[in-house]
Amino acid sequence: MPVKKGLSPVQRTIRELRNQGCICDVCEKWVTVPTMPGGGYRKDLFDFIDIIALAPNGIVAIQACGQDFAAHKRKLLNNEYLPEWIKSGGSVQIWGWRKVLRQRGGKQKIWAARVEGIK
């Protein structure tokens, strides 16, 4: 029997952005390398953008991740294209997904995003 997997951080982010009324799409791609373990790797647009969203306040580049928020933030801050993206009028956000308690003292957990803008 196959293992049931949940949504990826990118899928969760796309769903939430669309619920907020944004027009958005994934812009990372799979690069096939037969000699590589796993058969390839994911390539982000400009090495830092998973999703582009057309939001009411402008165009937003989004890096979506799980609980490894700090590593993804370092990746963004060290990216050579990030300053050019911002100078061109785009904004940048990182969305880190994790399970949190629905209410204090309860047991039920829900997925929630930590969203941070990068300047």
Protein backbone atom coordinates (compact mmCIF):
# COMPACT_ATOMS: atom_id res chain seq x y z
CA MET A 1 0.00 0.00 0.00
CA PRO A 2 1.46 3.41 -0.95
CA VAL A 3 2.35 5.86 1.80
CA LYS A 4 -0.12 8.73 1.99
CA LYS A 5 1.62 12.08 1.70
CA GLY A 6 0.19 15.47 2.50
CA LEU A 7 0.53 18.66 0.55
CA SER A 8 3.99 20.12 -0.05
CA PRO A 9 4.81 23.61 1.31
CA VAL A 10 4.52 24.96 -2.25
CA GLN A 11 1.06 23.39 -2.69
CA ARG A 12 -0.10 24.73 0.70
CA THR A 13 1.14 28.23 -0.20
CA ILE A 14 -0.54 28.21 -3.62
CA ARG A 15 -3.83 27.14 -2.02
CA GLU A 16 -3.64 29.88 0.63
CA LEU A 17 -2.67 32.60 -1.88
CA ARG A 18 -5.62 31.67 -4.12
CA ASN A 19 -7.94 31.73 -1.07
CA GLN A 20 -6.70 35.29 -0.49
CA GLY A 21 -7.63 36.21 -4.08
CA CYS A 22 -4.12 36.29 -5.55
CA ILE A 23 -3.25 35.08 -9.03
CA CYS A 24 -0.24 32.82 -8.63
CA ASP A 25 1.72 29.98 -10.15
CA VAL A 26 4.69 27.75 -9.42
CA CYS A 27 7.91 28.73 -11.17
CA GLU A 28 10.30 26.08 -9.88
CA LYS A 29 11.02 23.17 -12.18
CA TRP A 30 12.39 19.64 -12.02
CA VAL A 31 15.76 19.16 -13.72
CA THR A 32 16.42 15.55 -14.69
CA VAL A 33 19.95 14.26 -14.15
CA PRO A 34 19.96 10.46 -14.61
CA THR A 35 23.37 10.04 -12.93
CA MET A 36 22.25 11.90 -9.79
CA PRO A 37 20.73 10.09 -6.78
CA GLY A 38 16.97 10.61 -7.02
CA GLY A 39 17.24 11.33 -10.74
CA GLY A 40 17.52 15.11 -10.52
CA TYR A 41 16.79 18.23 -8.50
CA ARG A 42 14.39 21.16 -8.18
CA LYS A 43 15.52 24.49 -9.68
CA ASP A 44 13.99 27.73 -8.42
CA LEU A 45 13.56 30.75 -10.68
CA PHE A 46 16.64 32.96 -10.08
CA ASP A 47 17.64 30.32 -7.48
CA PHE A 48 15.19 31.68 -4.89
CA ILE A 49 11.62 31.90 -6.25
CA ASP A 50 9.20 28.97 -5.89
CA ILE A 51 6.01 30.95 -6.58
CA ILE A 52 5.14 34.26 -8.24
CA ALA A 53 1.97 35.92 -6.95
CA LEU A 54 0.11 38.89 -8.40
CA ALA A 55 -1.21 40.46 -5.22
CA PRO A 56 -3.18 43.68 -4.71
CA ASN A 57 -0.01 45.41 -3.50
CA GLY A 58 2.20 44.23 -6.40
CA ILE A 59 4.17 41.24 -7.63
CA VAL A 60 5.56 38.95 -4.93
CA ALA A 61 8.29 36.32 -5.17
CA ILE A 62 7.72 33.56 -2.61
CA GLN A 63 10.05 30.94 -1.20
CA ALA A 64 7.96 28.18 0.42
CA CYS A 65 9.45 25.78 2.95
CA GLY A 66 8.68 23.50 5.84
CA GLN A 67 10.17 23.99 9.28
CA ASP A 68 13.68 24.82 8.01
CA PHE A 69 12.82 28.53 7.91
CA ALA A 70 16.26 29.83 8.96
CA ALA A 71 18.11 27.89 6.23
CA HIS A 72 15.74 29.17 3.54
CA LYS A 73 16.03 32.74 4.85
CA ARG A 74 19.85 32.50 4.65
CA LYS A 75 19.50 31.18 1.10
CA LEU A 76 17.41 34.23 0.18
CA LEU A 77 19.68 36.77 1.84
CA ASN A 78 22.76 35.31 0.12
CA ASN A 79 21.18 35.25 -3.34
CA GLU A 80 22.85 37.54 -5.88
CA TYR A 81 19.58 38.25 -7.73
CA LEU A 82 17.50 39.27 -4.69
CA PRO A 83 18.64 42.95 -4.65
CA GLU A 84 17.89 43.25 -8.37
CA TRP A 85 14.41 41.77 -7.86
CA ILE A 86 13.68 44.33 -5.13
CA LYS A 87 15.18 47.24 -7.15
CA SER A 88 12.87 46.24 -10.01
CA GLY A 89 9.82 46.75 -7.80
CA GLY A 90 9.15 43.17 -6.70
CA SER A 91 8.72 42.14 -3.10
CA VAL A 92 9.85 38.89 -1.50
CA GLN A 93 8.27 36.69 1.16
CA ILE A 94 9.22 33.42 2.78
CA TRP A 95 6.41 31.11 3.89
CA GLY A 96 7.39 28.43 6.42
CA TRP A 97 4.74 25.82 7.17
CA ARG A 98 4.40 23.93 10.46
CA LYS A 99 1.75 22.24 12.58
CA VAL A 100 0.50 24.23 15.54
CA LEU A 101 -2.16 23.65 18.18
CA ARG A 102 -5.60 24.82 17.08
CA GLN A 103 -6.18 26.24 20.55
CA ARG A 104 -4.10 26.53 23.70
CA GLY A 105 -4.42 23.44 25.87
CA GLY A 106 -6.02 21.45 23.05
CA LYS A 107 -4.65 18.45 21.18
CA GLN A 108 -5.80 19.14 17.63
CA LYS A 109 -3.11 20.53 15.33
CA ILE A 110 -3.52 22.52 12.12
CA TRP A 111 -1.10 23.70 9.45
CA ALA A 112 -0.11 27.36 9.78
CA ALA A 113 2.32 29.51 7.83
CA ARG A 114 4.93 31.81 9.25
CA VAL A 115 5.16 34.57 6.65
CA GLU A 116 8.03 37.04 6.63
CA GLY A 117 8.86 39.76 4.15
CA ILE A 118 12.48 40.11 3.03
CA LYS A 119 13.96 43.57 2.43
